[in-house]
């Protein structure tokens, strides 16, 4: 059974606030549920809601990053990140890049749209490993160097065309 597609009427603002119909969503458990169930399709980002045999994909409009990497630690020679969705992500599963504003963000290697903002405390730990090179900024790690691509990307993701101009 395919999921019903709908406009969730949720926006993520540039400062990271989640807004539903002009009201800020402040309940931590609801935000955690939304973040845990964020998925991407070729036409946007949605919250995957499952209840019983029913399923719906509520699409979001992004002006800011919907997810954040909030903690970093080293284990067995690799860095790991904790996201505010509760995921633990090894650095090897991520691309780290700088967006159009020069801010660092991360994206899973198999994703196009869904990006994580890197929290200030995590950036300050990573900055200890940043070096300038002929190719640009690199993370110099024991396991090797990782090039930080400077992109013109930003966190903005529009609603799928079917939900625009309604």
N, C-alpha and C. Protein backbone atom coordinates (compact mmCIF):
# COMPACT_ATOMS: atom_id res chain seq x y z
N UNK A 1 0.85 -1.18 0.00
CA UNK A 1 0.00 0.00 0.00
C UNK A 1 0.89 1.24 0.00
N UNK A 2 0.63 2.16 -0.88
CA UNK A 2 1.46 3.36 -0.94
C UNK A 2 0.95 4.40 0.06
N UNK A 3 1.88 5.18 0.54
CA UNK A 3 1.57 6.20 1.53
C UNK A 3 0.84 7.36 0.87
N UNK A 4 -0.06 7.95 1.60
CA UNK A 4 -0.75 9.16 1.15
C UNK A 4 0.22 10.33 1.27
N UNK A 5 0.32 11.15 0.23
CA UNK A 5 1.21 12.33 0.23
C UNK A 5 0.39 13.55 0.59
N UNK A 6 0.96 14.40 1.45
CA UNK A 6 0.28 15.63 1.81
C UNK A 6 1.27 16.70 2.21
N UNK A 7 0.80 17.93 2.22
CA UNK A 7 1.58 19.06 2.70
C UNK A 7 1.39 19.08 4.22
N UNK A 8 2.47 18.90 4.97
CA UNK A 8 2.37 18.85 6.43
C UNK A 8 2.11 20.24 7.02
N UNK A 9 2.30 21.28 6.20
CA UNK A 9 2.20 22.67 6.64
C UNK A 9 3.27 23.02 7.67
N UNK A 10 4.35 22.26 7.68
CA UNK A 10 5.48 22.53 8.58
C UNK A 10 6.61 23.13 7.76
N UNK A 11 7.20 24.17 8.34
CA UNK A 11 8.38 24.81 7.75
C UNK A 11 9.50 24.77 8.77
N UNK A 12 10.74 24.62 8.29
CA UNK A 12 11.91 24.77 9.16
C UNK A 12 12.56 26.08 8.75
N UNK A 13 12.64 27.00 9.70
CA UNK A 13 13.16 28.34 9.44
C UNK A 13 14.69 28.34 9.39
N UNK A 14 15.30 29.42 8.86
CA UNK A 14 16.77 29.49 8.80
C UNK A 14 17.45 29.31 10.17
N UNK A 15 16.78 29.72 11.25
CA UNK A 15 17.39 29.55 12.58
C UNK A 15 17.17 28.16 13.16
N UNK A 16 16.49 27.27 12.40
CA UNK A 16 16.28 25.89 12.84
C UNK A 16 14.95 25.65 13.54
N UNK A 17 14.16 26.72 13.78
CA UNK A 17 12.85 26.53 14.42
C UNK A 17 11.92 25.79 13.47
N UNK A 18 11.10 24.91 14.05
CA UNK A 18 10.07 24.20 13.31
C UNK A 18 8.75 24.94 13.54
N UNK A 19 8.05 25.27 12.46
CA UNK A 19 6.83 26.06 12.53
C UNK A 19 5.68 25.29 11.87
N UNK A 20 4.56 25.23 12.56
CA UNK A 20 3.34 24.64 12.00
C UNK A 20 2.27 25.72 12.01
N UNK A 21 1.80 26.12 10.82
CA UNK A 21 0.76 27.15 10.68
C UNK A 21 1.09 28.38 11.53
N UNK A 22 2.29 28.92 11.36
CA UNK A 22 2.75 30.13 12.03
C UNK A 22 3.02 29.99 13.52
N UNK A 23 2.93 28.80 14.08
CA UNK A 23 3.23 28.60 15.51
C UNK A 23 4.48 27.72 15.64
N UNK A 24 5.38 28.13 16.52
CA UNK A 24 6.60 27.36 16.75
C UNK A 24 6.26 26.07 17.47
N UNK A 25 6.83 24.97 16.98
CA UNK A 25 6.66 23.66 17.63
C UNK A 25 7.74 23.57 18.71
N UNK A 26 7.33 23.48 19.96
CA UNK A 26 8.30 23.50 21.06
C UNK A 26 8.36 22.19 21.83
N UNK A 27 7.40 21.29 21.63
CA UNK A 27 7.38 20.04 22.39
C UNK A 27 8.53 19.15 21.92
N UNK A 28 9.46 18.87 22.83
CA UNK A 28 10.66 18.10 22.48
C UNK A 28 10.33 16.71 21.92
N UNK A 29 9.33 16.04 22.50
CA UNK A 29 9.00 14.69 22.05
C UNK A 29 8.44 14.70 20.63
N UNK A 30 7.66 15.72 20.30
CA UNK A 30 7.11 15.83 18.94
C UNK A 30 8.23 16.12 17.95
N UNK A 31 9.10 17.08 18.29
CA UNK A 31 10.24 17.39 17.41
C UNK A 31 11.12 16.17 17.21
N UNK A 32 11.36 15.42 18.29
CA UNK A 32 12.20 14.22 18.16
C UNK A 32 11.53 13.19 17.24
N UNK A 33 10.22 13.01 17.37
CA UNK A 33 9.49 12.09 16.50
C UNK A 33 9.63 12.53 15.04
N UNK A 34 9.39 13.82 14.79
CA UNK A 34 9.49 14.33 13.42
C UNK A 34 10.90 14.10 12.87
N UNK A 35 11.92 14.45 13.65
CA UNK A 35 13.30 14.31 13.18
C UNK A 35 13.66 12.85 12.92
N UNK A 36 13.20 11.95 13.79
CA UNK A 36 13.48 10.52 13.63
C UNK A 36 12.86 9.96 12.36
N UNK A 37 11.75 10.55 11.93
CA UNK A 37 10.99 10.01 10.81
C UNK A 37 11.13 10.82 9.53
N UNK A 38 12.15 11.70 9.49
CA UNK A 38 12.40 12.46 8.26
C UNK A 38 12.99 11.54 7.20
N UNK A 39 12.47 11.66 6.00
CA UNK A 39 12.97 10.87 4.87
C UNK A 39 13.07 11.81 3.68
N UNK A 40 13.77 11.35 2.66
CA UNK A 40 13.83 12.16 1.45
C UNK A 40 13.35 11.34 0.27
N UNK A 41 12.72 12.05 -0.65
CA UNK A 41 12.30 11.48 -1.94
C UNK A 41 12.95 12.36 -3.00
N UNK A 42 12.78 11.98 -4.26
CA UNK A 42 13.42 12.77 -5.32
C UNK A 42 12.81 14.16 -5.44
N UNK A 43 11.63 14.37 -4.83
CA UNK A 43 10.99 15.68 -4.95
C UNK A 43 10.86 16.43 -3.62
N UNK A 44 11.55 15.96 -2.57
CA UNK A 44 11.50 16.72 -1.32
C UNK A 44 11.77 15.91 -0.08
N UNK A 45 11.51 16.56 1.06
CA UNK A 45 11.72 15.97 2.39
C UNK A 45 10.34 15.80 3.04
N UNK A 46 10.15 14.64 3.68
CA UNK A 46 8.85 14.39 4.31
C UNK A 46 9.02 13.69 5.65
N UNK A 47 7.97 13.80 6.47
CA UNK A 47 7.88 13.03 7.71
C UNK A 47 7.08 11.80 7.37
N UNK A 48 7.66 10.65 7.65
CA UNK A 48 7.01 9.36 7.38
C UNK A 48 6.18 8.99 8.61
N UNK A 49 4.86 9.07 8.49
CA UNK A 49 3.95 8.73 9.59
C UNK A 49 3.33 7.37 9.31
N UNK A 50 3.46 6.48 10.28
CA UNK A 50 2.86 5.15 10.18
C UNK A 50 1.94 4.95 11.37
N UNK A 51 0.72 4.58 11.14
CA UNK A 51 -0.14 4.18 12.24
C UNK A 51 -1.02 3.05 11.75
N UNK A 52 -0.82 1.92 12.39
CA UNK A 52 -1.52 0.72 11.96
C UNK A 52 -1.17 0.41 10.52
N UNK A 53 -2.20 0.19 9.71
CA UNK A 53 -1.95 -0.11 8.30
C UNK A 53 -1.94 1.14 7.43
N UNK A 54 -2.12 2.30 8.07
CA UNK A 54 -2.12 3.55 7.32
C UNK A 54 -0.75 4.20 7.36
N UNK A 55 -0.45 4.89 6.29
CA UNK A 55 0.84 5.53 6.18
C UNK A 55 0.69 6.81 5.37
N UNK A 56 1.35 7.88 5.84
CA UNK A 56 1.30 9.13 5.09
C UNK A 56 2.66 9.80 5.12
N UNK A 57 2.95 10.52 4.05
CA UNK A 57 4.18 11.27 3.93
C UNK A 57 3.82 12.76 3.93
N UNK A 58 4.14 13.43 5.03
CA UNK A 58 3.85 14.85 5.15
C UNK A 58 5.08 15.66 4.76
N UNK A 59 4.99 16.36 3.64
CA UNK A 59 6.14 17.10 3.11
C UNK A 59 6.35 18.43 3.84
N UNK A 60 7.62 18.79 3.99
CA UNK A 60 8.04 20.01 4.68
C UNK A 60 8.64 20.98 3.68
N UNK A 61 8.64 22.24 4.05
CA UNK A 61 9.37 23.26 3.30
C UNK A 61 10.54 23.69 4.18
N UNK A 62 11.75 23.57 3.65
CA UNK A 62 12.94 23.88 4.45
C UNK A 62 13.57 25.19 4.02
N UNK A 63 13.80 26.04 5.01
CA UNK A 63 14.58 27.26 4.83
C UNK A 63 15.85 27.17 5.68
N UNK A 64 15.88 26.19 6.58
CA UNK A 64 17.02 25.94 7.46
C UNK A 64 17.22 24.44 7.59
N UNK A 65 18.26 24.06 8.32
CA UNK A 65 18.57 22.64 8.49
C UNK A 65 17.60 22.01 9.48
N UNK A 66 16.98 20.87 9.10
CA UNK A 66 16.00 20.24 9.99
C UNK A 66 16.64 19.35 11.06
N UNK A 67 17.89 18.98 10.84
CA UNK A 67 18.61 18.09 11.75
C UNK A 67 19.91 18.74 12.18
N UNK A 68 20.39 18.34 13.36
CA UNK A 68 21.62 18.91 13.90
C UNK A 68 22.51 17.80 14.44
N UNK A 69 23.80 17.93 14.21
CA UNK A 69 24.77 17.05 14.86
C UNK A 69 25.17 17.76 16.14
N UNK A 70 24.82 17.17 17.29
CA UNK A 70 24.92 17.88 18.56
C UNK A 70 26.04 17.38 19.47
N UNK A 71 26.62 16.22 19.14
CA UNK A 71 27.73 15.71 19.95
C UNK A 71 28.69 14.96 19.06
N UNK A 72 29.95 14.94 19.48
CA UNK A 72 30.98 14.21 18.74
C UNK A 72 31.86 13.47 19.74
N UNK A 73 32.29 12.28 19.39
CA UNK A 73 33.24 11.54 20.20
C UNK A 73 34.04 10.63 19.29
N UNK A 74 35.14 10.14 19.84
CA UNK A 74 36.01 9.25 19.08
C UNK A 74 35.91 7.86 19.68
N UNK A 75 35.79 6.86 18.80
CA UNK A 75 35.73 5.47 19.25
C UNK A 75 36.44 4.62 18.21
N UNK A 76 37.36 3.81 18.63
CA UNK A 76 38.10 2.91 17.74
C UNK A 76 38.70 3.65 16.55
N UNK A 77 39.22 4.87 16.80
CA UNK A 77 39.91 5.62 15.75
C UNK A 77 38.99 6.33 14.77
N UNK A 78 37.68 6.33 15.02
CA UNK A 78 36.75 7.04 14.13
C UNK A 78 35.90 8.01 14.95
N UNK A 79 35.56 9.12 14.31
CA UNK A 79 34.64 10.06 14.94
C UNK A 79 33.21 9.59 14.72
N UNK A 80 32.40 9.79 15.76
CA UNK A 80 30.97 9.52 15.70
C UNK A 80 30.24 10.78 16.11
N UNK A 81 29.05 10.96 15.53
CA UNK A 81 28.22 12.11 15.83
C UNK A 81 26.88 11.63 16.35
N UNK A 82 26.31 12.40 17.27
CA UNK A 82 24.95 12.17 17.72
C UNK A 82 24.10 13.27 17.12
N UNK A 83 23.00 12.88 16.48
CA UNK A 83 22.10 13.89 15.92
C UNK A 83 20.93 14.10 16.88
N UNK A 84 20.23 15.20 16.71
CA UNK A 84 19.08 15.47 17.57
C UNK A 84 17.88 14.58 17.21
N UNK A 85 18.06 13.68 16.25
CA UNK A 85 17.03 12.66 15.98
C UNK A 85 17.36 11.38 16.74
N UNK A 86 18.50 11.38 17.46
CA UNK A 86 18.89 10.20 18.23
C UNK A 86 19.82 9.26 17.48
N UNK A 87 20.12 9.56 16.22
CA UNK A 87 21.01 8.69 15.43
C UNK A 87 22.46 8.88 15.86
N UNK A 88 23.20 7.78 15.85
CA UNK A 88 24.66 7.84 15.99
C UNK A 88 25.24 7.55 14.61
N UNK A 89 26.02 8.51 14.10
CA UNK A 89 26.52 8.41 12.73
C UNK A 89 28.04 8.44 12.71
N UNK A 90 28.68 7.42 12.13
CA UNK A 90 30.13 7.49 11.97
C UNK A 90 30.49 8.50 10.88
N UNK A 91 31.61 9.18 11.06
CA UNK A 91 32.07 10.15 10.07
C UNK A 91 32.18 9.51 8.69
N UNK A 92 32.56 8.23 8.64
CA UNK A 92 32.73 7.56 7.35
C UNK A 92 31.42 7.45 6.56
N UNK A 93 30.27 7.64 7.22
CA UNK A 93 28.98 7.55 6.52
C UNK A 93 28.51 8.91 6.01
N UNK A 94 29.31 9.96 6.25
CA UNK A 94 28.89 11.33 5.97
C UNK A 94 29.82 12.03 4.99
N UNK A 95 29.26 13.01 4.27
CA UNK A 95 30.04 14.02 3.55
C UNK A 95 29.96 15.27 4.41
N UNK A 96 31.09 15.89 4.66
CA UNK A 96 31.12 17.18 5.35
C UNK A 96 31.46 18.22 4.30
N UNK A 97 30.72 19.32 4.29
CA UNK A 97 30.95 20.37 3.29
C UNK A 97 30.64 21.72 3.92
N UNK A 98 31.01 22.77 3.21
CA UNK A 98 30.66 24.12 3.63
C UNK A 98 29.58 24.62 2.68
N UNK A 99 28.55 25.24 3.24
CA UNK A 99 27.45 25.72 2.41
C UNK A 99 27.76 27.10 1.83
N UNK A 100 26.77 27.70 1.18
CA UNK A 100 26.97 28.99 0.51
C UNK A 100 27.33 30.11 1.49
N UNK A 101 27.05 29.91 2.78
CA UNK A 101 27.39 30.90 3.81
C UNK A 101 28.73 30.57 4.48
N UNK A 102 29.37 29.46 4.06
CA UNK A 102 30.62 29.04 4.69
C UNK A 102 30.42 28.22 5.95
N UNK A 103 29.16 27.87 6.27
CA UNK A 103 28.86 27.06 7.45
C UNK A 103 29.03 25.58 7.11
N UNK A 104 29.61 24.83 8.06
CA UNK A 104 29.76 23.39 7.84
C UNK A 104 28.42 22.69 8.00
N UNK A 105 28.18 21.72 7.12
CA UNK A 105 27.02 20.85 7.26
C UNK A 105 27.45 19.44 6.90
N UNK A 106 26.61 18.48 7.22
CA UNK A 106 26.89 17.08 6.89
C UNK A 106 25.67 16.51 6.19
N UNK A 107 25.93 15.50 5.38
CA UNK A 107 24.87 14.79 4.68
C UNK A 107 25.31 13.34 4.60
N UNK A 108 24.37 12.42 4.80
CA UNK A 108 24.70 11.01 4.61
C UNK A 108 25.11 10.81 3.16
N UNK A 109 26.05 9.91 2.93
CA UNK A 109 26.59 9.71 1.58
C UNK A 109 25.53 9.28 0.57
N UNK A 110 24.45 8.65 1.03
CA UNK A 110 23.42 8.20 0.09
C UNK A 110 22.24 9.17 0.00
N UNK A 111 22.38 10.38 0.57
CA UNK A 111 21.30 11.37 0.53
C UNK A 111 21.68 12.57 -0.34
N UNK A 112 20.67 13.21 -0.88
CA UNK A 112 20.85 14.44 -1.66
C UNK A 112 20.40 15.68 -0.89
N UNK A 113 19.22 15.59 -0.27
CA UNK A 113 18.57 16.77 0.30
C UNK A 113 18.71 16.90 1.81
N UNK A 114 18.63 15.78 2.52
CA UNK A 114 18.54 15.81 3.97
C UNK A 114 19.91 16.10 4.57
N UNK A 115 20.02 17.28 5.19
CA UNK A 115 21.33 17.75 5.68
C UNK A 115 21.27 18.04 7.18
N UNK A 116 22.42 17.90 7.80
CA UNK A 116 22.57 18.16 9.23
C UNK A 116 23.41 19.42 9.43
N UNK A 117 22.91 20.32 10.23
CA UNK A 117 23.73 21.46 10.65
C UNK A 117 24.69 20.94 11.72
N UNK A 118 25.89 21.43 11.71
CA UNK A 118 26.87 21.00 12.71
C UNK A 118 26.86 22.03 13.84
N UNK A 119 26.47 21.60 15.02
CA UNK A 119 26.36 22.50 16.17
C UNK A 119 27.72 23.11 16.51
N UNK A 120 27.68 24.27 17.12
CA UNK A 120 28.90 25.03 17.43
C UNK A 120 29.89 24.20 18.24
N UNK A 121 29.41 23.47 19.26
CA UNK A 121 30.32 22.67 20.09
C UNK A 121 31.00 21.57 19.27
N UNK A 122 30.30 21.00 18.30
CA UNK A 122 30.87 19.96 17.44
C UNK A 122 31.86 20.60 16.46
N UNK A 123 31.50 21.77 15.91
CA UNK A 123 32.41 22.49 15.01
C UNK A 123 33.71 22.84 15.69
N UNK A 124 33.63 23.22 16.96
CA UNK A 124 34.87 23.61 17.65
C UNK A 124 35.79 22.40 17.84
N UNK A 125 35.23 21.22 18.06
CA UNK A 125 36.07 20.01 18.14
C UNK A 125 36.68 19.72 16.76
N UNK A 126 35.85 19.78 15.71
CA UNK A 126 36.35 19.51 14.36
C UNK A 126 37.41 20.54 13.94
N UNK A 127 37.27 21.78 14.40
CA UNK A 127 38.21 22.83 13.99
C UNK A 127 39.64 22.51 14.41
N UNK A 128 39.80 21.71 15.45
CA UNK A 128 41.14 21.30 15.88
C UNK A 128 41.83 20.43 14.82
N UNK A 129 41.05 19.86 13.91
CA UNK A 129 41.59 18.96 12.88
C UNK A 129 41.59 19.59 11.50
N UNK A 130 41.10 20.82 11.38
CA UNK A 130 41.04 21.49 10.08
C UNK A 130 42.40 22.06 9.69
N UNK A 131 42.77 21.84 8.45
CA UNK A 131 44.00 22.44 7.91
C UNK A 131 43.71 23.01 6.53
N UNK A 132 44.44 24.06 6.18
CA UNK A 132 44.38 24.62 4.83
C UNK A 132 45.34 23.84 3.95
N UNK A 133 44.91 23.53 2.74
CA UNK A 133 45.80 22.84 1.81
C UNK A 133 45.61 23.47 0.43
N UNK A 134 46.41 23.01 -0.53
CA UNK A 134 46.27 23.50 -1.90
C UNK A 134 44.88 23.20 -2.47
N UNK A 135 44.30 22.08 -2.04
CA UNK A 135 42.96 21.71 -2.54
C UNK A 135 41.84 22.41 -1.77
N UNK A 136 42.16 23.08 -0.68
CA UNK A 136 41.15 23.71 0.16
C UNK A 136 41.22 23.20 1.58
N UNK A 137 40.14 23.35 2.30
CA UNK A 137 40.07 22.93 3.70
C UNK A 137 40.00 21.41 3.80
N UNK A 138 40.73 20.87 4.77
CA UNK A 138 40.72 19.42 5.00
C UNK A 138 40.60 19.13 6.48
N UNK A 139 40.00 17.99 6.79
CA UNK A 139 40.06 17.43 8.13
C UNK A 139 41.25 16.49 8.11
N UNK A 140 42.25 16.77 8.94
CA UNK A 140 43.44 15.92 9.00
C UNK A 140 43.26 14.95 10.17
N UNK A 141 42.93 13.70 9.84
CA UNK A 141 42.66 12.68 10.84
C UNK A 141 43.71 11.59 10.77
N UNK A 142 43.80 10.80 11.84
CA UNK A 142 44.75 9.67 11.87
C UNK A 142 44.51 8.72 10.71
N UNK A 143 43.24 8.56 10.34
CA UNK A 143 42.87 7.61 9.28
C UNK A 143 43.06 8.19 7.88
N UNK A 144 43.43 9.47 7.80
CA UNK A 144 43.63 10.11 6.50
C UNK A 144 42.91 11.45 6.45
N UNK A 145 43.17 12.19 5.39
CA UNK A 145 42.57 13.51 5.24
C UNK A 145 41.23 13.42 4.52
N UNK A 146 40.31 14.28 4.93
CA UNK A 146 39.00 14.37 4.29
C UNK A 146 38.84 15.80 3.80
N UNK A 147 38.65 15.94 2.49
CA UNK A 147 38.47 17.26 1.88
C UNK A 147 37.09 17.80 2.23
N UNK A 148 37.05 19.06 2.67
CA UNK A 148 35.78 19.73 2.95
C UNK A 148 35.43 20.53 1.70
N UNK A 149 34.44 20.07 0.98
CA UNK A 149 34.05 20.75 -0.25
C UNK A 149 33.36 22.06 0.08
N UNK A 150 33.70 23.11 -0.65
CA UNK A 150 32.97 24.37 -0.52
C UNK A 150 31.91 24.35 -1.61
N UNK A 151 30.67 24.40 -1.18
CA UNK A 151 29.56 24.27 -2.13
C UNK A 151 28.74 25.56 -2.13
N UNK A 152 27.91 25.69 -3.10
CA UNK A 152 26.94 26.78 -3.11
C UNK A 152 25.60 26.29 -2.59
N UNK A 153 25.63 25.14 -1.91
CA UNK A 153 24.39 24.57 -1.39
C UNK A 153 23.88 25.40 -0.23
N UNK A 154 22.61 25.23 0.04
CA UNK A 154 22.01 25.79 1.24
C UNK A 154 20.96 24.79 1.70
N UNK A 155 20.37 25.02 2.86
CA UNK A 155 19.41 24.03 3.37
C UNK A 155 18.03 24.09 2.73
N UNK A 156 17.79 25.05 1.83
CA UNK A 156 16.43 25.26 1.31
C UNK A 156 15.97 24.10 0.42
N UNK A 157 14.82 23.58 0.76
CA UNK A 157 14.18 22.54 -0.05
C UNK A 157 12.71 22.93 -0.16
N UNK A 158 12.21 23.16 -1.38
CA UNK A 158 10.81 23.56 -1.53
C UNK A 158 9.88 22.36 -1.38
N UNK A 159 8.62 22.66 -1.23
CA UNK A 159 7.60 21.61 -1.28
C UNK A 159 7.58 21.02 -2.69
N UNK A 160 7.15 19.77 -2.83
CA UNK A 160 6.97 19.23 -4.18
C UNK A 160 6.00 20.11 -4.97
N UNK A 161 6.15 20.17 -6.29
CA UNK A 161 5.30 21.05 -7.12
C UNK A 161 3.80 20.91 -6.86
N UNK A 162 3.35 19.70 -6.57
CA UNK A 162 1.90 19.50 -6.38
C UNK A 162 1.34 20.27 -5.17
N UNK A 163 2.22 20.68 -4.23
CA UNK A 163 1.75 21.39 -3.03
C UNK A 163 2.05 22.89 -3.07
N UNK A 164 2.72 23.33 -4.12
CA UNK A 164 3.06 24.75 -4.21
C UNK A 164 1.89 25.54 -4.76
N UNK A 165 1.82 26.81 -4.38
CA UNK A 165 0.78 27.74 -4.87
C UNK A 165 -0.64 27.26 -4.57
N UNK A 166 -0.80 26.62 -3.43
CA UNK A 166 -2.17 26.18 -3.07
C UNK A 166 -2.86 27.25 -2.26
